Amino acid sequence: MMNEKLHLTPEDAFPEDLADVADQQLQVLDSQIQRQLDYEVVAEGEPNPETEFRHYELDEEFQTRDDR
C-alpha cells in the first residue's frame, strides 16, 4: 500500500498506470492530490504542473470507471 500522507508532493511516487489501482486507493490518491493542489495554490500562488497533471489523470480514471 502507498504511504498514508495527507499530501502527495510532485516528488512523491505516483502509480504509472492508474487502471491497476484499486478503487479505494484511487480515492486516497485523489484526496492526497487535492490537498496538495490546495496547499500549492495557497503557499505558492499556483499549482505545480506535475500536481495538476496528476489531478487530471485521476479525473480521467474516475471518468473511465464511471463509464463502465
Protein backbone atom coordinates (compact mmCIF):
# COMPACT_ATOMS: atom_id res chain seq x y z
CA MET A 1 0.00 0.00 0.00
CA MET A 2 1.18 3.52 -0.68
CA ASN A 3 2.19 5.84 2.11
CA GLU A 4 -0.71 7.39 4.01
CA LYS A 5 0.42 11.01 3.86
CA LEU A 6 -2.23 13.72 3.64
CA HIS A 7 -0.47 15.38 0.69
CA LEU A 8 1.30 13.87 -2.29
CA THR A 9 4.07 16.21 -3.42
CA PRO A 10 5.30 16.23 -7.04
CA GLU A 11 8.43 14.40 -5.83
CA ASP A 12 6.43 11.56 -4.22
CA ALA A 13 5.87 8.31 -6.10
CA PHE A 14 2.73 8.11 -8.21
CA PRO A 15 1.36 4.99 -9.94
CA GLU A 16 2.45 4.53 -13.54
CA ASP A 17 -0.94 3.10 -14.53
CA LEU A 18 -4.00 4.17 -12.57
CA ALA A 19 -6.04 1.34 -14.14
CA ASP A 20 -4.09 -1.04 -11.86
CA VAL A 21 -5.05 0.88 -8.69
CA ALA A 22 -7.95 -0.37 -6.54
CA ASP A 23 -10.96 1.96 -6.21
CA GLN A 24 -10.33 2.73 -2.53
CA GLN A 25 -6.65 3.53 -3.12
CA LEU A 26 -7.62 5.72 -6.08
CA GLN A 27 -9.86 7.73 -3.76
CA VAL A 28 -6.99 8.11 -1.28
CA LEU A 29 -4.71 9.31 -4.09
CA ASP A 30 -7.37 11.77 -5.23
CA SER A 31 -7.66 13.21 -1.71
CA GLN A 32 -3.87 13.49 -1.40
CA ILE A 33 -3.57 15.27 -4.75
CA GLN A 34 -6.49 17.60 -3.97
CA ARG A 35 -4.91 18.60 -0.67
CA GLN A 36 -1.59 19.16 -2.41
CA LEU A 37 -3.26 21.34 -5.06
CA ASP A 38 -4.95 23.41 -2.34
CA TYR A 39 -1.66 23.76 -0.47
CA GLU A 40 0.29 24.83 -3.58
CA VAL A 41 -2.28 27.46 -4.52
CA VAL A 42 -2.22 28.95 -1.03
CA ALA A 43 1.54 28.66 -0.43
CA GLU A 44 2.88 29.34 -3.92
CA GLY A 45 0.03 31.14 -5.67
CA GLU A 46 -0.38 28.45 -8.33
CA PRO A 47 -0.33 24.68 -8.59
CA ASN A 48 2.74 22.73 -9.62
CA PRO A 49 2.33 21.42 -13.20
CA GLU A 50 3.05 17.85 -12.05
CA THR A 51 0.32 18.04 -9.41
CA GLU A 52 -2.11 19.46 -11.98
CA PHE A 53 -1.25 16.64 -14.40
CA ARG A 54 -1.79 14.01 -11.70
CA HIS A 55 -5.15 15.58 -10.82
CA TYR A 56 -6.16 15.44 -14.48
CA GLU A 57 -5.06 11.79 -14.74
CA LEU A 58 -7.12 10.88 -11.67
CA ASP A 59 -10.18 12.65 -13.08
CA GLU A 60 -9.77 10.74 -16.34
CA GLU A 61 -9.51 7.40 -14.50
CA PHE A 62 -12.59 8.13 -12.39
CA GLN A 63 -14.49 9.02 -15.57
CA THR A 64 -13.36 5.80 -17.25
CA ARG A 65 -14.55 3.76 -14.27
CA ASP A 66 -17.87 5.63 -14.11
CA ASP A 67 -18.48 4.90 -17.80
CA ARG A 68 -18.13 1.12 -17.31
